[in-house]
N, C-alpha and C. Protein backbone atom coordinates (compact mmCIF):
# COMPACT_ATOMS: atom_id res chain seq x y z
N MET A 1 13.24 -7.57 -2.10
CA MET A 1 12.78 -6.83 -0.94
C MET A 1 11.32 -7.18 -0.64
N ARG A 2 11.02 -7.38 0.64
CA ARG A 2 9.65 -7.66 1.06
C ARG A 2 8.95 -6.36 1.38
N VAL A 3 7.74 -6.17 0.81
CA VAL A 3 6.94 -4.97 1.06
C VAL A 3 5.57 -5.42 1.54
N LEU A 4 5.14 -4.85 2.65
CA LEU A 4 3.86 -5.20 3.25
C LEU A 4 2.77 -4.28 2.72
N VAL A 5 1.67 -4.87 2.27
CA VAL A 5 0.50 -4.10 1.86
C VAL A 5 -0.38 -3.95 3.11
N GLY A 6 -0.41 -2.75 3.65
CA GLY A 6 -1.03 -2.53 4.95
C GLY A 6 -2.51 -2.24 4.90
N THR A 7 -3.30 -3.21 4.47
CA THR A 7 -4.75 -3.07 4.54
C THR A 7 -5.38 -4.42 4.85
N THR A 8 -6.44 -4.40 5.65
CA THR A 8 -7.19 -5.62 5.92
C THR A 8 -8.50 -5.64 5.13
N ASN A 9 -8.75 -4.60 4.31
CA ASN A 9 -9.94 -4.55 3.47
C ASN A 9 -9.72 -5.50 2.29
N PRO A 10 -10.49 -6.59 2.20
CA PRO A 10 -10.23 -7.58 1.15
C PRO A 10 -10.37 -7.03 -0.26
N GLY A 11 -11.33 -6.12 -0.46
CA GLY A 11 -11.50 -5.53 -1.79
C GLY A 11 -10.31 -4.69 -2.19
N LYS A 12 -9.84 -3.85 -1.27
CA LYS A 12 -8.68 -3.03 -1.56
C LYS A 12 -7.44 -3.88 -1.77
N LEU A 13 -7.27 -4.90 -0.95
CA LEU A 13 -6.10 -5.77 -1.06
C LEU A 13 -6.06 -6.45 -2.42
N ARG A 14 -7.20 -6.99 -2.85
CA ARG A 14 -7.25 -7.64 -4.16
C ARG A 14 -6.88 -6.66 -5.26
N GLU A 15 -7.46 -5.46 -5.21
CA GLU A 15 -7.20 -4.48 -6.26
C GLU A 15 -5.73 -4.04 -6.26
N ILE A 16 -5.18 -3.78 -5.09
CA ILE A 16 -3.79 -3.33 -5.01
C ILE A 16 -2.85 -4.38 -5.60
N LEU A 17 -3.01 -5.63 -5.19
CA LEU A 17 -2.13 -6.69 -5.68
C LEU A 17 -2.32 -6.93 -7.17
N GLN A 18 -3.56 -6.83 -7.65
CA GLN A 18 -3.83 -7.02 -9.07
C GLN A 18 -3.22 -5.89 -9.89
N ILE A 19 -3.38 -4.65 -9.41
CA ILE A 19 -2.87 -3.49 -10.15
C ILE A 19 -1.34 -3.48 -10.17
N LEU A 20 -0.72 -3.75 -9.04
CA LEU A 20 0.74 -3.68 -8.98
C LEU A 20 1.40 -4.86 -9.68
N GLY A 21 0.75 -6.04 -9.60
CA GLY A 21 1.32 -7.20 -10.26
C GLY A 21 2.72 -7.48 -9.77
N GLU A 22 3.53 -7.99 -10.66
CA GLU A 22 4.91 -8.33 -10.30
C GLU A 22 5.82 -7.15 -10.59
N ILE A 23 6.54 -6.75 -9.58
CA ILE A 23 7.59 -5.75 -9.73
C ILE A 23 8.90 -6.46 -9.40
N PRO A 24 9.83 -6.52 -10.34
CA PRO A 24 11.07 -7.26 -10.09
C PRO A 24 11.74 -6.83 -8.78
N GLY A 25 12.10 -7.84 -7.99
CA GLY A 25 12.78 -7.58 -6.73
C GLY A 25 11.87 -7.34 -5.54
N ILE A 26 10.54 -7.27 -5.78
CA ILE A 26 9.58 -7.03 -4.70
C ILE A 26 8.77 -8.30 -4.44
N THR A 27 8.68 -8.70 -3.17
CA THR A 27 7.79 -9.76 -2.74
C THR A 27 6.71 -9.12 -1.87
N TRP A 28 5.45 -9.25 -2.28
CA TRP A 28 4.34 -8.63 -1.56
C TRP A 28 3.93 -9.50 -0.37
N LEU A 29 3.79 -8.87 0.77
CA LEU A 29 3.26 -9.50 1.96
C LEU A 29 1.96 -8.82 2.34
N THR A 30 1.09 -9.54 3.06
CA THR A 30 -0.18 -8.98 3.51
C THR A 30 -0.30 -9.18 5.02
N PRO A 31 -1.31 -8.59 5.65
CA PRO A 31 -1.49 -8.82 7.08
C PRO A 31 -1.73 -10.28 7.45
N ARG A 32 -2.03 -11.13 6.47
CA ARG A 32 -2.11 -12.57 6.74
C ARG A 32 -0.71 -13.16 6.97
N ASP A 33 0.29 -12.51 6.37
CA ASP A 33 1.67 -12.99 6.51
C ASP A 33 2.39 -12.38 7.71
N VAL A 34 2.09 -11.13 7.99
CA VAL A 34 2.78 -10.39 9.03
C VAL A 34 1.75 -9.65 9.88
N PRO A 35 1.66 -9.97 11.17
CA PRO A 35 0.73 -9.22 12.03
C PRO A 35 1.11 -7.74 12.04
N CYS A 36 0.13 -6.88 11.86
CA CYS A 36 0.43 -5.46 11.89
C CYS A 36 -0.65 -4.74 12.69
N PRO A 37 -0.31 -3.61 13.28
CA PRO A 37 -1.26 -2.92 14.15
C PRO A 37 -2.41 -2.31 13.36
N ALA A 38 -3.56 -2.23 14.01
CA ALA A 38 -4.67 -1.46 13.45
C ALA A 38 -4.36 0.01 13.69
N VAL A 39 -4.51 0.82 12.67
CA VAL A 39 -4.17 2.24 12.77
C VAL A 39 -5.45 3.06 12.56
N PRO A 40 -5.94 3.73 13.60
CA PRO A 40 -7.14 4.56 13.44
C PRO A 40 -6.90 5.67 12.43
N GLU A 41 -7.89 5.89 11.58
CA GLU A 41 -7.78 6.93 10.55
C GLU A 41 -8.22 8.25 11.15
N THR A 42 -7.32 8.92 11.85
CA THR A 42 -7.65 10.14 12.57
C THR A 42 -7.25 11.40 11.82
N GLY A 43 -6.61 11.26 10.66
CA GLY A 43 -6.16 12.42 9.90
C GLY A 43 -7.32 13.17 9.26
N PRO A 44 -7.13 14.47 8.99
CA PRO A 44 -8.18 15.28 8.37
C PRO A 44 -8.27 15.12 6.86
N THR A 45 -7.26 14.46 6.26
CA THR A 45 -7.24 14.29 4.81
C THR A 45 -6.86 12.85 4.45
N PHE A 46 -7.12 12.48 3.20
CA PHE A 46 -6.71 11.15 2.73
C PHE A 46 -5.19 11.01 2.82
N ALA A 47 -4.47 12.08 2.47
CA ALA A 47 -3.01 12.02 2.50
C ALA A 47 -2.50 11.80 3.92
N ALA A 48 -3.09 12.50 4.88
CA ALA A 48 -2.65 12.34 6.27
C ALA A 48 -2.90 10.92 6.76
N ASN A 49 -4.06 10.36 6.42
CA ASN A 49 -4.37 8.99 6.85
C ASN A 49 -3.47 7.96 6.18
N ALA A 50 -3.20 8.13 4.89
CA ALA A 50 -2.34 7.18 4.18
C ALA A 50 -0.93 7.20 4.76
N ARG A 51 -0.39 8.39 5.00
CA ARG A 51 0.95 8.51 5.59
C ARG A 51 0.98 7.89 6.99
N LEU A 52 -0.05 8.20 7.79
CA LEU A 52 -0.12 7.69 9.16
C LEU A 52 -0.11 6.16 9.17
N LYS A 53 -0.95 5.56 8.33
CA LYS A 53 -1.02 4.10 8.30
C LYS A 53 0.28 3.48 7.82
N ALA A 54 0.81 3.99 6.72
CA ALA A 54 2.03 3.40 6.15
C ALA A 54 3.20 3.51 7.13
N LEU A 55 3.38 4.68 7.71
CA LEU A 55 4.53 4.89 8.58
C LEU A 55 4.40 4.12 9.90
N THR A 56 3.21 4.13 10.48
CA THR A 56 2.99 3.40 11.74
C THR A 56 3.27 1.91 11.57
N ILE A 57 2.74 1.34 10.48
CA ILE A 57 2.92 -0.09 10.25
C ILE A 57 4.37 -0.41 9.89
N ALA A 58 5.02 0.45 9.10
CA ALA A 58 6.41 0.21 8.73
C ALA A 58 7.30 0.19 9.97
N ILE A 59 7.09 1.13 10.87
CA ILE A 59 7.90 1.19 12.08
C ILE A 59 7.61 0.00 12.99
N ALA A 60 6.33 -0.37 13.09
CA ALA A 60 5.95 -1.49 13.98
C ALA A 60 6.46 -2.83 13.47
N THR A 61 6.49 -3.01 12.14
CA THR A 61 6.87 -4.32 11.59
C THR A 61 8.31 -4.37 11.11
N GLY A 62 8.93 -3.21 10.93
CA GLY A 62 10.27 -3.18 10.37
C GLY A 62 10.31 -3.46 8.88
N LEU A 63 9.15 -3.37 8.23
CA LEU A 63 9.06 -3.65 6.79
C LEU A 63 8.60 -2.42 6.02
N PRO A 64 9.12 -2.20 4.81
CA PRO A 64 8.52 -1.18 3.95
C PRO A 64 7.03 -1.48 3.81
N THR A 65 6.21 -0.45 3.91
CA THR A 65 4.76 -0.67 3.92
C THR A 65 4.07 0.26 2.94
N LEU A 66 3.16 -0.34 2.17
CA LEU A 66 2.30 0.41 1.26
C LEU A 66 0.91 0.47 1.88
N ALA A 67 0.39 1.67 2.04
CA ALA A 67 -0.97 1.85 2.57
C ALA A 67 -1.65 2.92 1.73
N GLU A 68 -2.96 2.99 1.87
CA GLU A 68 -3.69 4.03 1.14
C GLU A 68 -4.94 4.42 1.91
N ASP A 69 -5.44 5.58 1.59
CA ASP A 69 -6.75 5.98 2.09
C ASP A 69 -7.51 6.54 0.90
N SER A 70 -8.76 6.21 0.84
CA SER A 70 -9.55 6.64 -0.31
C SER A 70 -10.99 6.85 0.10
N GLY A 71 -11.71 7.56 -0.75
CA GLY A 71 -13.12 7.78 -0.46
C GLY A 71 -13.80 8.54 -1.57
N LEU A 72 -15.06 8.78 -1.35
CA LEU A 72 -15.93 9.43 -2.32
C LEU A 72 -16.18 10.87 -1.90
N GLU A 73 -16.06 11.79 -2.85
CA GLU A 73 -16.35 13.21 -2.60
C GLU A 73 -17.45 13.64 -3.57
N VAL A 74 -18.56 14.11 -3.02
CA VAL A 74 -19.72 14.49 -3.83
C VAL A 74 -19.86 16.01 -3.82
N ASP A 75 -19.88 16.60 -5.00
CA ASP A 75 -19.89 18.06 -5.10
C ASP A 75 -21.06 18.70 -4.37
N ALA A 76 -22.27 18.17 -4.59
CA ALA A 76 -23.46 18.76 -4.01
C ALA A 76 -23.49 18.65 -2.49
N LEU A 77 -22.64 17.79 -1.92
CA LEU A 77 -22.59 17.61 -0.47
C LEU A 77 -21.33 18.26 0.12
N GLY A 78 -20.73 19.18 -0.63
CA GLY A 78 -19.57 19.89 -0.13
C GLY A 78 -18.36 19.00 0.05
N GLY A 79 -18.28 17.92 -0.73
CA GLY A 79 -17.15 17.00 -0.63
C GLY A 79 -17.38 15.82 0.29
N ALA A 80 -18.52 15.77 0.95
CA ALA A 80 -18.86 14.61 1.79
C ALA A 80 -19.18 13.43 0.88
N PRO A 81 -19.01 12.22 1.38
CA PRO A 81 -18.57 11.83 2.72
C PRO A 81 -17.07 11.96 2.97
N GLY A 82 -16.25 12.12 1.93
CA GLY A 82 -14.83 12.39 2.11
C GLY A 82 -14.11 11.36 2.96
N VAL A 83 -13.29 11.85 3.92
CA VAL A 83 -12.50 10.93 4.74
C VAL A 83 -13.37 10.05 5.62
N LEU A 84 -14.66 10.38 5.72
CA LEU A 84 -15.58 9.56 6.51
C LEU A 84 -16.32 8.54 5.65
N SER A 85 -15.87 8.33 4.41
CA SER A 85 -16.60 7.48 3.47
C SER A 85 -16.94 6.11 4.02
N ALA A 86 -16.00 5.43 4.66
CA ALA A 86 -16.24 4.06 5.14
C ALA A 86 -17.26 4.03 6.27
N ARG A 87 -17.34 5.11 7.03
CA ARG A 87 -18.23 5.15 8.20
C ARG A 87 -19.29 6.25 8.07
N TYR A 88 -19.67 6.55 6.84
CA TYR A 88 -20.63 7.62 6.56
C TYR A 88 -21.94 7.41 7.31
N ALA A 89 -22.39 6.18 7.39
CA ALA A 89 -23.66 5.87 8.08
C ALA A 89 -23.43 5.45 9.53
N GLY A 90 -22.20 5.51 10.00
CA GLY A 90 -21.91 5.15 11.38
C GLY A 90 -20.94 3.99 11.50
N ASP A 91 -20.65 3.64 12.74
CA ASP A 91 -19.71 2.55 13.04
C ASP A 91 -20.50 1.37 13.59
N PRO A 92 -20.18 0.13 13.26
CA PRO A 92 -19.12 -0.29 12.33
C PRO A 92 -19.49 0.02 10.89
N PRO A 93 -18.50 0.03 9.99
CA PRO A 93 -18.76 0.34 8.59
C PRO A 93 -19.81 -0.60 7.98
N ASP A 94 -20.70 -0.02 7.21
CA ASP A 94 -21.77 -0.78 6.55
C ASP A 94 -21.97 -0.20 5.16
N PRO A 95 -21.37 -0.81 4.13
CA PRO A 95 -21.45 -0.24 2.78
C PRO A 95 -22.88 -0.03 2.29
N ALA A 96 -23.78 -0.97 2.54
CA ALA A 96 -25.16 -0.81 2.07
C ALA A 96 -25.82 0.39 2.74
N ALA A 97 -25.58 0.55 4.05
CA ALA A 97 -26.14 1.70 4.77
C ALA A 97 -25.53 3.01 4.27
N ASN A 98 -24.23 2.98 3.96
CA ASN A 98 -23.59 4.18 3.41
C ASN A 98 -24.23 4.58 2.09
N ASN A 99 -24.49 3.59 1.23
CA ASN A 99 -25.11 3.87 -0.06
C ASN A 99 -26.52 4.43 0.11
N ARG A 100 -27.28 3.86 1.05
CA ARG A 100 -28.63 4.37 1.31
C ARG A 100 -28.59 5.81 1.81
N LYS A 101 -27.67 6.09 2.72
CA LYS A 101 -27.56 7.45 3.25
C LYS A 101 -27.18 8.44 2.16
N LEU A 102 -26.28 8.03 1.27
CA LEU A 102 -25.87 8.91 0.18
C LEU A 102 -27.04 9.21 -0.75
N LEU A 103 -27.80 8.20 -1.11
CA LEU A 103 -28.95 8.41 -1.99
C LEU A 103 -29.99 9.31 -1.33
N THR A 104 -30.20 9.13 -0.05
CA THR A 104 -31.14 10.00 0.68
C THR A 104 -30.65 11.44 0.67
N ALA A 105 -29.35 11.64 0.90
CA ALA A 105 -28.78 12.99 0.93
C ALA A 105 -28.89 13.68 -0.43
N LEU A 106 -28.90 12.89 -1.51
CA LEU A 106 -28.96 13.45 -2.86
C LEU A 106 -30.37 13.46 -3.44
N ALA A 107 -31.36 13.04 -2.67
CA ALA A 107 -32.74 13.01 -3.17
C ALA A 107 -33.15 14.38 -3.68
N GLY A 108 -33.63 14.42 -4.92
CA GLY A 108 -34.08 15.68 -5.52
C GLY A 108 -32.96 16.56 -6.05
N THR A 109 -31.72 16.11 -5.96
CA THR A 109 -30.58 16.89 -6.41
C THR A 109 -30.24 16.53 -7.86
N THR A 110 -30.12 17.55 -8.71
CA THR A 110 -29.77 17.28 -10.10
C THR A 110 -28.26 17.24 -10.31
N ASP A 111 -27.51 17.93 -9.46
CA ASP A 111 -26.05 17.91 -9.56
C ASP A 111 -25.54 16.67 -8.84
N ARG A 112 -25.16 15.67 -9.61
CA ARG A 112 -24.72 14.40 -9.02
C ARG A 112 -23.24 14.13 -9.32
N ARG A 113 -22.51 15.21 -9.61
CA ARG A 113 -21.07 15.06 -9.87
C ARG A 113 -20.34 14.62 -8.61
N ALA A 114 -19.37 13.73 -8.81
CA ALA A 114 -18.61 13.21 -7.68
C ALA A 114 -17.26 12.72 -8.19
N HIS A 115 -16.38 12.45 -7.27
CA HIS A 115 -15.13 11.80 -7.65
C HIS A 115 -14.62 10.94 -6.51
N PHE A 116 -13.98 9.86 -6.93
CA PHE A 116 -13.26 9.00 -6.00
C PHE A 116 -11.82 9.52 -5.92
N ARG A 117 -11.29 9.57 -4.71
CA ARG A 117 -9.91 10.01 -4.52
C ARG A 117 -9.16 8.96 -3.69
N THR A 118 -7.95 8.63 -4.12
CA THR A 118 -7.06 7.74 -3.37
C THR A 118 -5.73 8.44 -3.19
N VAL A 119 -5.19 8.36 -2.00
CA VAL A 119 -3.79 8.73 -1.78
C VAL A 119 -3.09 7.47 -1.28
N ALA A 120 -2.06 7.06 -2.01
CA ALA A 120 -1.26 5.90 -1.62
C ALA A 120 0.05 6.40 -1.01
N ALA A 121 0.51 5.69 0.01
CA ALA A 121 1.76 6.07 0.67
C ALA A 121 2.64 4.84 0.81
N LEU A 122 3.91 5.02 0.56
CA LEU A 122 4.91 3.98 0.76
C LEU A 122 5.88 4.51 1.81
N ALA A 123 5.99 3.79 2.93
CA ALA A 123 6.86 4.21 4.02
C ALA A 123 7.93 3.17 4.29
N LEU A 124 9.11 3.64 4.63
CA LEU A 124 10.19 2.76 5.07
C LEU A 124 10.35 2.89 6.58
N PRO A 125 10.85 1.86 7.22
CA PRO A 125 11.01 1.90 8.68
C PRO A 125 11.90 3.05 9.17
N ASP A 126 12.74 3.60 8.27
CA ASP A 126 13.61 4.71 8.67
C ASP A 126 12.90 6.06 8.64
N GLY A 127 11.60 6.06 8.28
CA GLY A 127 10.83 7.29 8.33
C GLY A 127 10.59 7.96 6.99
N ARG A 128 11.24 7.48 5.93
CA ARG A 128 10.99 8.06 4.61
C ARG A 128 9.60 7.65 4.11
N VAL A 129 8.88 8.61 3.51
CA VAL A 129 7.53 8.35 3.00
C VAL A 129 7.37 9.02 1.64
N TRP A 130 6.79 8.29 0.70
CA TRP A 130 6.42 8.84 -0.60
C TRP A 130 4.90 8.70 -0.75
N THR A 131 4.25 9.69 -1.37
CA THR A 131 2.81 9.61 -1.60
C THR A 131 2.49 9.94 -3.05
N ALA A 132 1.35 9.45 -3.49
CA ALA A 132 0.83 9.78 -4.82
C ALA A 132 -0.69 9.75 -4.75
N GLU A 133 -1.32 10.60 -5.54
CA GLU A 133 -2.78 10.72 -5.52
C GLU A 133 -3.38 10.33 -6.85
N GLY A 134 -4.56 9.72 -6.80
CA GLY A 134 -5.31 9.39 -8.00
C GLY A 134 -6.76 9.80 -7.83
N VAL A 135 -7.35 10.34 -8.91
CA VAL A 135 -8.74 10.80 -8.86
C VAL A 135 -9.49 10.22 -10.06
N LEU A 136 -10.72 9.78 -9.82
CA LEU A 136 -11.60 9.31 -10.89
C LEU A 136 -12.88 10.12 -10.83
N GLU A 137 -13.14 10.87 -11.90
CA GLU A 137 -14.34 11.71 -11.97
C GLU A 137 -15.55 10.89 -12.42
N GLY A 138 -16.73 11.32 -11.99
CA GLY A 138 -17.94 10.63 -12.40
C GLY A 138 -19.18 11.26 -11.81
N THR A 139 -20.25 10.47 -11.78
CA THR A 139 -21.53 10.92 -11.21
C THR A 139 -22.12 9.80 -10.36
N ILE A 140 -23.10 10.17 -9.55
CA ILE A 140 -23.78 9.21 -8.69
C ILE A 140 -25.09 8.77 -9.34
N ALA A 141 -25.27 7.46 -9.47
CA ALA A 141 -26.49 6.90 -10.07
C ALA A 141 -27.69 7.15 -9.16
N GLU A 142 -28.87 6.98 -9.71
CA GLU A 142 -30.11 7.16 -8.95
C GLU A 142 -30.39 5.98 -8.01
N ALA A 143 -29.81 4.82 -8.33
CA ALA A 143 -30.02 3.62 -7.52
C ALA A 143 -28.82 2.70 -7.75
N PRO A 144 -28.53 1.81 -6.80
CA PRO A 144 -27.40 0.89 -6.96
C PRO A 144 -27.59 -0.02 -8.18
N ARG A 145 -26.47 -0.27 -8.89
CA ARG A 145 -26.50 -1.18 -10.03
C ARG A 145 -25.23 -2.00 -10.04
N GLY A 146 -25.37 -3.30 -10.28
CA GLY A 146 -24.21 -4.17 -10.40
C GLY A 146 -23.87 -4.88 -9.11
N HIS A 147 -23.08 -5.94 -9.24
CA HIS A 147 -22.75 -6.77 -8.08
C HIS A 147 -21.25 -6.91 -7.87
N GLY A 148 -20.44 -6.21 -8.65
CA GLY A 148 -19.00 -6.28 -8.48
C GLY A 148 -18.49 -5.19 -7.56
N GLY A 149 -17.17 -5.18 -7.38
CA GLY A 149 -16.55 -4.13 -6.59
C GLY A 149 -16.97 -4.16 -5.13
N PHE A 150 -16.90 -3.00 -4.50
CA PHE A 150 -17.26 -2.89 -3.09
C PHE A 150 -17.53 -1.42 -2.79
N GLY A 151 -17.98 -1.15 -1.58
CA GLY A 151 -18.21 0.24 -1.16
C GLY A 151 -19.26 0.94 -2.00
N TYR A 152 -18.89 2.09 -2.54
CA TYR A 152 -19.81 2.91 -3.33
C TYR A 152 -19.82 2.54 -4.81
N ASP A 153 -19.13 1.48 -5.19
CA ASP A 153 -19.04 1.10 -6.61
C ASP A 153 -20.41 0.93 -7.28
N PRO A 154 -21.45 0.41 -6.60
CA PRO A 154 -22.74 0.27 -7.27
C PRO A 154 -23.42 1.60 -7.60
N LEU A 155 -22.92 2.70 -7.04
CA LEU A 155 -23.52 4.01 -7.29
C LEU A 155 -22.67 4.91 -8.19
N PHE A 156 -21.42 4.57 -8.40
CA PHE A 156 -20.50 5.48 -9.09
C PHE A 156 -20.38 5.16 -10.56
N ILE A 157 -20.72 6.14 -11.41
CA ILE A 157 -20.61 6.01 -12.86
C ILE A 157 -19.43 6.85 -13.32
N PRO A 158 -18.34 6.23 -13.78
CA PRO A 158 -17.18 7.02 -14.22
C PRO A 158 -17.54 7.91 -15.41
N ALA A 159 -16.88 9.05 -15.52
CA ALA A 159 -17.09 9.95 -16.65
C ALA A 159 -16.87 9.20 -17.95
N GLY A 160 -17.78 9.41 -18.91
CA GLY A 160 -17.69 8.74 -20.20
C GLY A 160 -18.27 7.35 -20.23
N GLU A 161 -18.81 6.88 -19.10
CA GLU A 161 -19.39 5.53 -18.99
C GLU A 161 -20.88 5.63 -18.71
N ARG A 162 -21.59 4.55 -19.00
CA ARG A 162 -22.99 4.43 -18.61
C ARG A 162 -23.15 3.45 -17.47
N ARG A 163 -22.13 2.59 -17.30
CA ARG A 163 -22.17 1.57 -16.26
C ARG A 163 -21.56 2.11 -14.97
N THR A 164 -22.03 1.54 -13.85
CA THR A 164 -21.36 1.82 -12.59
C THR A 164 -20.09 0.98 -12.50
N LEU A 165 -19.24 1.32 -11.55
CA LEU A 165 -18.04 0.50 -11.35
C LEU A 165 -18.40 -0.93 -11.00
N ALA A 166 -19.52 -1.12 -10.30
CA ALA A 166 -19.95 -2.46 -9.90
C ALA A 166 -20.46 -3.29 -11.08
N GLU A 167 -20.75 -2.63 -12.20
CA GLU A 167 -21.19 -3.35 -13.40
C GLU A 167 -20.01 -3.72 -14.31
N MET A 168 -18.82 -3.27 -13.96
CA MET A 168 -17.64 -3.56 -14.78
C MET A 168 -16.94 -4.81 -14.28
N ALA A 169 -16.27 -5.50 -15.19
CA ALA A 169 -15.41 -6.60 -14.79
C ALA A 169 -14.22 -6.02 -14.03
N PRO A 170 -13.66 -6.75 -13.07
CA PRO A 170 -12.54 -6.22 -12.29
C PRO A 170 -11.40 -5.63 -13.13
N PRO A 171 -10.97 -6.28 -14.23
CA PRO A 171 -9.88 -5.67 -15.01
C PRO A 171 -10.27 -4.32 -15.62
N GLU A 172 -11.56 -4.18 -15.99
CA GLU A 172 -12.02 -2.90 -16.54
C GLU A 172 -11.95 -1.80 -15.49
N LYS A 173 -12.43 -2.11 -14.29
CA LYS A 173 -12.39 -1.13 -13.21
C LYS A 173 -10.95 -0.80 -12.86
N ASP A 174 -10.11 -1.83 -12.70
CA ASP A 174 -8.73 -1.61 -12.31
C ASP A 174 -7.97 -0.76 -13.32
N ALA A 175 -8.36 -0.82 -14.59
CA ALA A 175 -7.65 -0.07 -15.63
C ALA A 175 -7.86 1.43 -15.51
N ILE A 176 -8.97 1.87 -14.92
CA ILE A 176 -9.29 3.30 -14.88
C ILE A 176 -9.38 3.87 -13.47
N SER A 177 -9.27 3.04 -12.46
CA SER A 177 -9.63 3.46 -11.11
C SER A 177 -8.69 4.50 -10.51
N HIS A 178 -9.23 5.22 -9.54
CA HIS A 178 -8.46 6.17 -8.73
C HIS A 178 -7.31 5.44 -8.03
N ARG A 179 -7.56 4.21 -7.62
CA ARG A 179 -6.52 3.43 -6.93
C ARG A 179 -5.35 3.15 -7.88
N ARG A 180 -5.66 2.77 -9.12
CA ARG A 180 -4.60 2.54 -10.11
C ARG A 180 -3.78 3.81 -10.32
N ARG A 181 -4.44 4.93 -10.44
CA ARG A 181 -3.74 6.18 -10.72
C ARG A 181 -2.79 6.53 -9.58
N ALA A 182 -3.22 6.30 -8.34
CA ALA A 182 -2.35 6.58 -7.20
C ALA A 182 -1.19 5.59 -7.16
N LEU A 183 -1.48 4.31 -7.34
CA LEU A 183 -0.43 3.30 -7.28
C LEU A 183 0.58 3.46 -8.41
N ASP A 184 0.10 3.84 -9.59
CA ASP A 184 1.01 4.07 -10.70
C ASP A 184 1.97 5.22 -10.39
N GLY A 185 1.50 6.18 -9.59
CA GLY A 185 2.36 7.29 -9.19
C GLY A 185 3.51 6.84 -8.30
N LEU A 186 3.31 5.74 -7.57
CA LEU A 186 4.37 5.21 -6.70
C LEU A 186 5.21 4.13 -7.37
N ARG A 187 4.78 3.68 -8.54
CA ARG A 187 5.46 2.56 -9.18
C ARG A 187 6.96 2.83 -9.41
N PRO A 188 7.37 4.03 -9.84
CA PRO A 188 8.82 4.26 -10.02
C PRO A 188 9.62 4.09 -8.72
N VAL A 189 9.04 4.52 -7.60
CA VAL A 189 9.73 4.36 -6.31
C VAL A 189 9.86 2.87 -5.97
N MET A 190 8.76 2.13 -6.17
CA MET A 190 8.79 0.70 -5.84
C MET A 190 9.74 -0.06 -6.78
N THR A 191 9.78 0.34 -8.04
CA THR A 191 10.71 -0.27 -8.99
C THR A 191 12.15 -0.05 -8.54
N ALA A 192 12.44 1.18 -8.11
CA ALA A 192 13.80 1.50 -7.65
C ALA A 192 14.15 0.70 -6.41
N LEU A 193 13.20 0.55 -5.49
CA LEU A 193 13.45 -0.24 -4.28
C LEU A 193 13.73 -1.70 -4.64
N GLY A 194 12.96 -2.23 -5.59
CA GLY A 194 13.17 -3.60 -6.02
C GLY A 194 14.54 -3.80 -6.63
N GLU A 195 15.01 -2.81 -7.39
CA GLU A 195 16.32 -2.90 -8.03
C GLU A 195 17.44 -2.83 -7.00
N ASP A 196 17.19 -2.04 -5.93
CA ASP A 196 18.21 -1.89 -4.88
C ASP A 196 18.27 -3.11 -3.97
N GLY A 197 17.17 -3.91 -3.99
CA GLY A 197 17.12 -5.13 -3.20
C GLY A 197 16.92 -4.85 -1.73
């Protein structure tokens, strides 16, 4: 069975394909293989956006589609930037500007607890949708560190770690990430689809 990974974000695409690896009976396709519509993230939650993207693309392409929405939630900021994570500093998205805005918002704040949240959705063209959520707890560093990853990774220190996600090798990050936890939640559904062909 062919399954389309519905994201044009190169960092997310790499992580999703690396985390999922080979699932018997599944052939992964990307937007490079199949043109798919851009879907505005208009939902109020990560789950709403993930479902919207997966279902819209599945119906438009006629292919089972895996999509996700994720972002950073900072306790001291009431959960911001949340669903606005990619465009926290404005449009078009600018990760460096987002990181600067976050550090400015947290200036002088001792409570730097935060978590990354991902909701992954798998939709079939017939309208069926499955979702799973993954959360990674941590804190926000005082300044960016590391050159790996993308987005807020240079600022996010996972619980129990001293390094930011951007200071970790990709396999280390992928082993603990919010994205892995969400995708692992969908793995039984994708395995069953692969077996059904």
